[in-house]
Amino acid sequence: MPAAKILIIEDNPDMALALCMTLEAEGYQVNVASSGEEGLARIHQINPDLIILDVMMETSTAGFQVSLQLRSPDPKSQYAPYRHVPILMLTAIHTTTSLRFGPDEVYLPVDDFVDKPVDPDVLLDKVRGLLGSGEG
């Protein structure tokens, strides 16, 4: 079975590298985009099995905007073929504020969250869970 393809959309090169190393060590094919715009542009080339998306990139809500575009219910959306690709959102918001949020189909259409700093074991557990245990 071919390795699952993961697209990381993360503007911090150190964070992106740490994620890459963790995932590649487990045999995943990893691609990195350094902005929401680049991630959306590359999704067509990569056709990922999973997207790891940072909340705060160019703006404090860039990750939310990307997830909303990817999950657009519009059947004519250029991202319609990727609507069901799981999204794992990276966030430091839970450690910097008392704000708590979870996946929400309308306002925050993602599948799960990983808090920064990222614990590699937690990351891999969530990735395996979203991909299904048979992959990776």
C-alpha atoms as a PDB file:
ATOM      1  CA  MET A   1       0.000   0.000   0.000  1.00  0.00           C
ATOM      2  CA  PRO A   2       1.458   3.397  -0.948  1.00  0.00           C
ATOM      3  CA  ALA A   3       2.292   5.781   1.862  1.00  0.00           C
ATOM      4  CA  ALA A   4      -0.372   8.302   2.787  1.00  0.00           C
ATOM      5  CA  LYS A   5       0.276  11.798   1.437  1.00  0.00           C
ATOM      6  CA  ILE A   6       0.173  14.617   3.951  1.00  0.00           C
ATOM      7  CA  LEU A   7       0.123  18.321   3.110  1.00  0.00           C
ATOM      8  CA  ILE A   8       1.409  20.562   5.896  1.00  0.00           C
ATOM      9  CA  ILE A   9       0.336  24.205   5.634  1.00  0.00           C
ATOM     10  CA  GLU A  10       2.544  26.012   8.156  1.00  0.00           C
ATOM     11  CA  ASP A  11       4.370  29.341   7.860  1.00  0.00           C
ATOM     12  CA  ASN A  12       6.986  28.634  10.541  1.00  0.00           C
ATOM     13  CA  PRO A  13       9.860  26.757   8.848  1.00  0.00           C
ATOM     14  CA  ASP A  14      11.118  25.237  12.126  1.00  0.00           C
ATOM     15  CA  MET A  15       7.663  23.893  12.987  1.00  0.00           C
ATOM     16  CA  ALA A  16       7.186  22.599   9.445  1.00  0.00           C
ATOM     17  CA  LEU A  17      10.549  20.811   9.578  1.00  0.00           C
ATOM     18  CA  ALA A  18       9.781  19.219  12.956  1.00  0.00           C
ATOM     19  CA  LEU A  19       6.416  17.976  11.665  1.00  0.00           C
ATOM     20  CA  CYS A  20       8.032  16.688   8.460  1.00  0.00           C
ATOM     21  CA  MET A  21      10.721  14.769  10.300  1.00  0.00           C
ATOM     22  CA  THR A  22       8.207  13.143  12.654  1.00  0.00           C
ATOM     23  CA  LEU A  23       5.859  12.118   9.836  1.00  0.00           C
ATOM     24  CA  GLU A  24       8.532  11.038   7.338  1.00  0.00           C
ATOM     25  CA  ALA A  25      10.122   8.826  10.010  1.00  0.00           C
ATOM     26  CA  GLU A  26       6.774   6.971  10.088  1.00  0.00           C
ATOM     27  CA  GLY A  27       6.822   6.518   6.315  1.00  0.00           C
ATOM     28  CA  TYR A  28       4.375   9.229   5.264  1.00  0.00           C
ATOM     29  CA  GLN A  29       4.909  11.275   2.086  1.00  0.00           C
ATOM     30  CA  VAL A  30       5.032  14.865   3.289  1.00  0.00           C
ATOM     31  CA  ASN A  31       4.687  18.113   1.344  1.00  0.00           C
ATOM     32  CA  VAL A  32       4.926  21.561   2.914  1.00  0.00           C
ATOM     33  CA  ALA A  33       3.295  24.829   1.913  1.00  0.00           C
ATOM     34  CA  SER A  34       4.352  27.973   3.762  1.00  0.00           C
ATOM     35  CA  SER A  35       1.085  29.892   3.410  1.00  0.00           C
ATOM     36  CA  GLY A  36      -2.617  29.247   3.103  1.00  0.00           C
ATOM     37  CA  GLU A  37      -2.547  30.502  -0.473  1.00  0.00           C
ATOM     38  CA  GLU A  38       0.327  28.170  -1.403  1.00  0.00           C
ATOM     39  CA  GLY A  39      -1.401  25.267   0.320  1.00  0.00           C
ATOM     40  CA  LEU A  40      -4.609  25.830  -1.628  1.00  0.00           C
ATOM     41  CA  ALA A  41      -2.629  26.095  -4.871  1.00  0.00           C
ATOM     42  CA  ARG A  42      -0.701  22.871  -4.215  1.00  0.00           C
ATOM     43  CA  ILE A  43      -3.633  20.735  -3.112  1.00  0.00           C
ATOM     44  CA  HIS A  44      -4.474  19.953  -6.733  1.00  0.00           C
ATOM     45  CA  GLN A  45      -0.933  18.681  -7.441  1.00  0.00           C
ATOM     46  CA  ILE A  46      -0.538  16.693  -4.242  1.00  0.00           C
ATOM     47  CA  ASN A  47      -4.050  15.265  -3.793  1.00  0.00           C
ATOM     48  CA  PRO A  48      -3.335  14.706  -0.081  1.00  0.00           C
ATOM     49  CA  ASP A  49      -4.868  12.066   2.168  1.00  0.00           C
ATOM     50  CA  LEU A  50      -4.569  14.446   5.144  1.00  0.00           C
ATOM     51  CA  ILE A  51      -3.975  18.166   5.648  1.00  0.00           C
ATOM     52  CA  ILE A  52      -2.190  19.554   8.698  1.00  0.00           C
ATOM     53  CA  LEU A  53      -3.109  23.222   8.906  1.00  0.00           C
ATOM     54  CA  ASP A  54      -1.758  25.977  11.145  1.00  0.00           C
ATOM     55  CA  VAL A  55      -4.406  28.347  12.508  1.00  0.00           C
ATOM     56  CA  MET A  56      -2.344  31.532  12.476  1.00  0.00           C
ATOM     57  CA  MET A  57      -0.241  32.251   9.410  1.00  0.00           C
ATOM     58  CA  GLU A  58      -0.424  35.407   7.285  1.00  0.00           C
ATOM     59  CA  THR A  59      -3.300  36.519   9.505  1.00  0.00           C
ATOM     60  CA  SER A  60      -4.616  35.281  12.822  1.00  0.00           C
ATOM     61  CA  THR A  61      -7.447  33.496  11.004  1.00  0.00           C
ATOM     62  CA  ALA A  62      -5.677  32.278   7.848  1.00  0.00           C
ATOM     63  CA  GLY A  63      -6.090  28.635   8.824  1.00  0.00           C
ATOM     64  CA  PHE A  64      -9.806  29.102   9.437  1.00  0.00           C
ATOM     65  CA  GLN A  65     -10.175  30.723   6.007  1.00  0.00           C
ATOM     66  CA  VAL A  66      -8.350  27.831   4.321  1.00  0.00           C
ATOM     67  CA  SER A  67     -10.502  25.238   6.080  1.00  0.00           C
ATOM     68  CA  LEU A  68     -13.679  27.086   5.080  1.00  0.00           C
ATOM     69  CA  GLN A  69     -12.561  27.163   1.437  1.00  0.00           C
ATOM     70  CA  LEU A  70     -11.633  23.462   1.451  1.00  0.00           C
ATOM     71  CA  ARG A  71     -14.954  22.464   2.991  1.00  0.00           C
ATOM     72  CA  SER A  72     -17.125  24.768   0.884  1.00  0.00           C
ATOM     73  CA  PRO A  73     -20.467  23.060   0.234  1.00  0.00           C
ATOM     74  CA  ASP A  74     -20.570  24.656  -3.237  1.00  0.00           C
ATOM     75  CA  PRO A  75     -20.453  21.769  -5.738  1.00  0.00           C
ATOM     76  CA  LYS A  76     -18.725  24.125  -8.211  1.00  0.00           C
ATOM     77  CA  SER A  77     -15.923  24.914  -5.758  1.00  0.00           C
ATOM     78  CA  GLN A  78     -12.504  24.085  -7.146  1.00  0.00           C
ATOM     79  CA  TYR A  79     -11.857  22.326  -3.825  1.00  0.00           C
ATOM     80  CA  ALA A  80     -14.972  20.122  -3.979  1.00  0.00           C
ATOM     81  CA  PRO A  81     -12.892  16.972  -4.703  1.00  0.00           C
ATOM     82  CA  TYR A  82     -10.976  17.561  -1.443  1.00  0.00           C
ATOM     83  CA  ARG A  83     -13.980  18.322   0.792  1.00  0.00           C
ATOM     84  CA  HIS A  84     -13.640  14.990   2.601  1.00  0.00           C
ATOM     85  CA  VAL A  85      -9.857  15.103   3.156  1.00  0.00           C
ATOM     86  CA  PRO A  86      -9.329  15.147   6.944  1.00  0.00           C
ATOM     87  CA  ILE A  87      -7.932  18.398   8.357  1.00  0.00           C
ATOM     88  CA  LEU A  88      -5.808  18.403  11.518  1.00  0.00           C
ATOM     89  CA  MET A  89      -5.441  21.951  12.820  1.00  0.00           C
ATOM     90  CA  LEU A  90      -2.353  23.145  14.709  1.00  0.00           C
ATOM     91  CA  THR A  91      -3.043  25.722  17.368  1.00  0.00           C
ATOM     92  CA  ALA A  92      -1.289  27.486  20.189  1.00  0.00           C
ATOM     93  CA  ILE A  93      -4.499  29.289  21.119  1.00  0.00           C
ATOM     94  CA  HIS A  94      -5.367  26.780  23.852  1.00  0.00           C
ATOM     95  CA  THR A  95      -2.077  27.516  25.613  1.00  0.00           C
ATOM     96  CA  THR A  96      -2.201  31.306  25.178  1.00  0.00           C
ATOM     97  CA  THR A  97      -5.837  32.017  26.027  1.00  0.00           C
ATOM     98  CA  SER A  98      -8.677  30.496  27.981  1.00  0.00           C
ATOM     99  CA  LEU A  99     -10.583  30.176  24.716  1.00  0.00           C
ATOM    100  CA  ARG A 100     -11.607  26.626  23.913  1.00  0.00           C
ATOM    101  CA  PHE A 101     -13.046  25.534  20.628  1.00  0.00           C
ATOM    102  CA  GLY A 102     -13.672  22.344  18.754  1.00  0.00           C
ATOM    103  CA  PRO A 103     -14.502  21.218  15.257  1.00  0.00           C
ATOM    104  CA  ASP A 104     -17.676  22.787  13.920  1.00  0.00           C
ATOM    105  CA  GLU A 105     -19.145  21.897  10.547  1.00  0.00           C
ATOM    106  CA  VAL A 106     -20.106  25.475   9.682  1.00  0.00           C
ATOM    107  CA  TYR A 107     -17.653  27.760  11.455  1.00  0.00           C
ATOM    108  CA  LEU A 108     -14.603  25.581  11.898  1.00  0.00           C
ATOM    109  CA  PRO A 109     -14.766  22.636   9.519  1.00  0.00           C
ATOM    110  CA  VAL A 110     -11.777  20.619  10.694  1.00  0.00           C
ATOM    111  CA  ASP A 111     -11.532  17.087  12.058  1.00  0.00           C
ATOM    112  CA  ASP A 112      -9.203  17.475  15.030  1.00  0.00           C
ATOM    113  CA  PHE A 113      -6.714  19.757  16.776  1.00  0.00           C
ATOM    114  CA  VAL A 114      -3.108  19.434  17.925  1.00  0.00           C
ATOM    115  CA  ASP A 115      -1.792  21.940  20.431  1.00  0.00           C
ATOM    116  CA  LYS A 116       1.586  23.616  19.987  1.00  0.00           C
ATOM    117  CA  PRO A 117       4.178  22.790  21.059  1.00  0.00           C
ATOM    118  CA  VAL A 118       3.420  19.568  19.251  1.00  0.00           C
ATOM    119  CA  ASP A 119       4.074  16.305  21.057  1.00  0.00           C
ATOM    120  CA  PRO A 120       5.241  13.880  18.317  1.00  0.00           C
ATOM    121  CA  ASP A 121       3.390  10.926  19.872  1.00  0.00           C
ATOM    122  CA  VAL A 122       0.139  12.894  20.081  1.00  0.00           C
ATOM    123  CA  LEU A 123       0.609  14.065  16.481  1.00  0.00           C
ATOM    124  CA  LEU A 124       1.163  10.528  15.197  1.00  0.00           C
ATOM    125  CA  ASP A 125      -1.813   9.163  17.156  1.00  0.00           C
ATOM    126  CA  LYS A 126      -4.092  11.818  15.669  1.00  0.00           C
ATOM    127  CA  VAL A 127      -2.699  11.331  12.153  1.00  0.00           C
ATOM    128  CA  ARG A 128      -3.196   7.557  12.368  1.00  0.00           C
ATOM    129  CA  GLY A 129      -6.699   8.064  13.724  1.00  0.00           C
ATOM    130  CA  LEU A 130      -7.686  10.411  10.892  1.00  0.00           C
ATOM    131  CA  LEU A 131      -6.118   8.271   8.179  1.00  0.00           C
ATOM    132  CA  GLY A 132      -7.393   4.978   9.561  1.00  0.00           C
ATOM    133  CA  SER A 133      -5.042   2.486  11.166  1.00  0.00           C
ATOM    134  CA  GLY A 134      -4.286   0.690   7.884  1.00  0.00           C
ATOM    135  CA  GLU A 135      -2.231   3.562   6.457  1.00  0.00           C
ATOM    136  CA  GLY A 136       1.139   5.071   7.152  1.00  0.00           C
END
